[in-house]
Amino acid sequence: MGKSISVEAGVKADEDKTTEQEQKLDKNVRCKQCQHEITKPSLAVQPHEHTFRNPGGYSFHVLCYSTAPGAGDIGEQTDEASWFAGYAWSFAVCLQCKQHLGWWYHGKDRFVGLIATRLLR
């Protein structure tokens, strides 16, 4: 007799390949809390990664992007304790769940610094 081929195994293998392809295509930066799309890797600015400590002693690993359409800009801008000279900051929050994601920076241009541990990349 000839070999028997499991149709179910073939379908499962095809589903696994599709899932892998979808995951490769879906590399957008998302809010870790609600999975809302925040920005895209192609919008990263250089230098991209920084680690800072605020006056309260908390450290943050920050990833910088030119924009983040999924992050709202809230609060008054202030230059107090800014990590980037010549830039004022305001809070960046997820537009869906309102999780604090980082800070918008306002100066000669505008960019966002997002807290790495609050993102899915």
Protein backbone atom coordinates (compact mmCIF):
# COMPACT_ATOMS: atom_id res chain seq x y z
CA MET A 1 0.00 0.00 0.00
CA GLY A 2 1.01 3.62 -0.48
CA LYS A 3 1.78 6.07 2.21
CA SER A 4 -1.12 7.57 4.06
CA ILE A 5 -1.10 11.32 4.52
CA SER A 6 -2.95 13.00 7.33
CA VAL A 7 -5.00 15.86 5.95
CA GLU A 8 -5.39 17.27 9.47
CA ALA A 9 -1.60 17.40 9.95
CA GLY A 10 -1.22 19.23 6.63
CA VAL A 11 -3.90 21.76 7.57
CA LYS A 12 -2.27 22.31 10.98
CA ALA A 13 1.14 22.89 9.34
CA ASP A 14 -0.42 25.45 6.98
CA GLU A 15 -2.10 27.20 9.94
CA ASP A 16 1.25 27.34 11.79
CA LYS A 17 2.94 28.91 8.74
CA THR A 18 0.16 31.49 8.44
CA THR A 19 0.44 32.38 12.13
CA GLU A 20 4.24 32.82 11.80
CA GLN A 21 3.78 35.02 8.72
CA GLU A 22 1.15 37.13 10.48
CA GLN A 23 3.45 37.57 13.49
CA LYS A 24 6.34 38.67 11.24
CA LEU A 25 4.11 41.21 9.50
CA ASP A 26 2.64 42.47 12.79
CA LYS A 27 5.82 43.89 14.31
CA ASN A 28 4.20 47.18 15.23
CA VAL A 29 4.89 48.57 18.67
CA ARG A 30 1.88 47.98 20.94
CA CYS A 31 0.77 48.86 24.45
CA LYS A 32 1.62 45.95 26.72
CA GLN A 33 -1.55 46.46 28.78
CA CYS A 34 -4.18 46.46 25.99
CA GLN A 35 -2.27 45.65 22.75
CA HIS A 36 -3.33 48.93 21.10
CA GLU A 37 -0.98 49.90 18.24
CA ILE A 38 1.22 52.78 19.38
CA THR A 39 3.84 53.25 16.64
CA LYS A 40 5.95 51.43 14.05
CA PRO A 41 9.61 50.36 14.20
CA SER A 42 10.27 52.38 11.03
CA LEU A 43 9.57 55.55 13.04
CA ALA A 44 12.48 54.96 15.45
CA VAL A 45 14.95 57.84 15.74
CA GLN A 46 18.66 57.56 16.45
CA PRO A 47 19.99 57.31 19.03
CA HIS A 48 16.99 55.10 19.74
CA GLU A 49 17.57 53.69 23.25
CA HIS A 50 18.40 55.52 26.46
CA THR A 51 18.32 54.72 30.17
CA PHE A 52 17.53 57.59 32.53
CA ARG A 53 16.87 58.07 36.24
CA ASN A 54 14.29 60.62 37.33
CA PRO A 55 14.68 62.86 40.43
CA GLY A 56 12.61 60.33 42.42
CA GLY A 57 15.25 57.67 41.78
CA TYR A 58 13.24 55.58 39.28
CA SER A 59 15.09 54.32 36.21
CA PHE A 60 13.48 54.06 32.78
CA HIS A 61 14.72 52.40 29.60
CA VAL A 62 13.30 54.68 26.90
CA LEU A 63 12.88 54.05 23.16
CA CYS A 64 12.57 57.15 20.95
CA TYR A 65 10.27 57.52 17.92
CA SER A 66 9.54 60.49 15.66
CA THR A 67 5.83 59.99 16.30
CA ALA A 68 3.40 57.60 17.94
CA PRO A 69 -0.13 57.93 16.56
CA GLY A 70 -1.48 55.60 19.26
CA ALA A 71 -0.15 57.71 22.14
CA GLY A 72 -1.88 60.80 23.44
CA ASP A 73 -0.04 63.92 24.56
CA ILE A 74 -1.45 65.07 27.91
CA GLY A 75 -0.59 67.57 30.60
CA GLU A 76 1.27 70.84 30.64
CA GLN A 77 4.68 70.91 29.01
CA THR A 78 7.57 71.46 31.41
CA ASP A 79 11.32 71.61 31.04
CA GLU A 80 11.81 70.63 34.70
CA ALA A 81 14.14 67.62 34.98
CA SER A 82 14.04 67.06 31.19
CA TRP A 83 16.35 64.29 29.99
CA PHE A 84 16.87 66.10 26.68
CA ALA A 85 18.43 69.58 26.83
CA GLY A 86 16.32 72.21 25.08
CA TYR A 87 13.17 70.08 25.22
CA ALA A 88 10.10 70.35 27.42
CA TRP A 89 8.12 67.19 28.14
CA SER A 90 4.54 66.12 28.65
CA PHE A 91 3.04 62.69 29.32
CA ALA A 92 2.48 60.07 26.61
CA VAL A 93 -0.44 57.72 27.31
CA CYS A 94 -2.08 54.91 25.37
CA LEU A 95 -5.11 56.33 23.57
CA GLN A 96 -7.07 53.15 24.28
CA CYS A 97 -6.42 52.23 27.94
CA LYS A 98 -4.73 55.47 29.17
CA GLN A 99 -1.65 53.59 30.49
CA HIS A 100 1.33 55.94 30.98
CA LEU A 101 3.75 54.92 28.21
CA GLY A 102 6.40 57.65 28.38
CA TRP A 103 6.84 61.28 27.44
CA TRP A 104 6.41 63.57 24.46
CA TYR A 105 9.34 65.97 23.96
CA HIS A 106 8.79 69.44 22.52
CA GLY A 107 11.65 71.63 21.29
CA LYS A 108 13.15 72.39 17.88
CA ASP A 109 11.20 69.29 16.83
CA ARG A 110 8.84 66.84 18.53
CA PHE A 111 9.40 63.19 19.39
CA VAL A 112 8.26 60.61 21.90
CA GLY A 113 10.25 58.54 24.40
CA LEU A 114 8.38 55.34 25.28
CA ILE A 115 9.13 53.11 28.29
CA ALA A 116 10.36 49.78 26.91
CA THR A 117 8.79 47.64 29.64
CA ARG A 118 5.32 49.04 28.86
CA LEU A 119 5.47 48.01 25.19
CA LEU A 120 5.17 44.88 23.09
CA ARG A 121 7.69 44.92 20.24
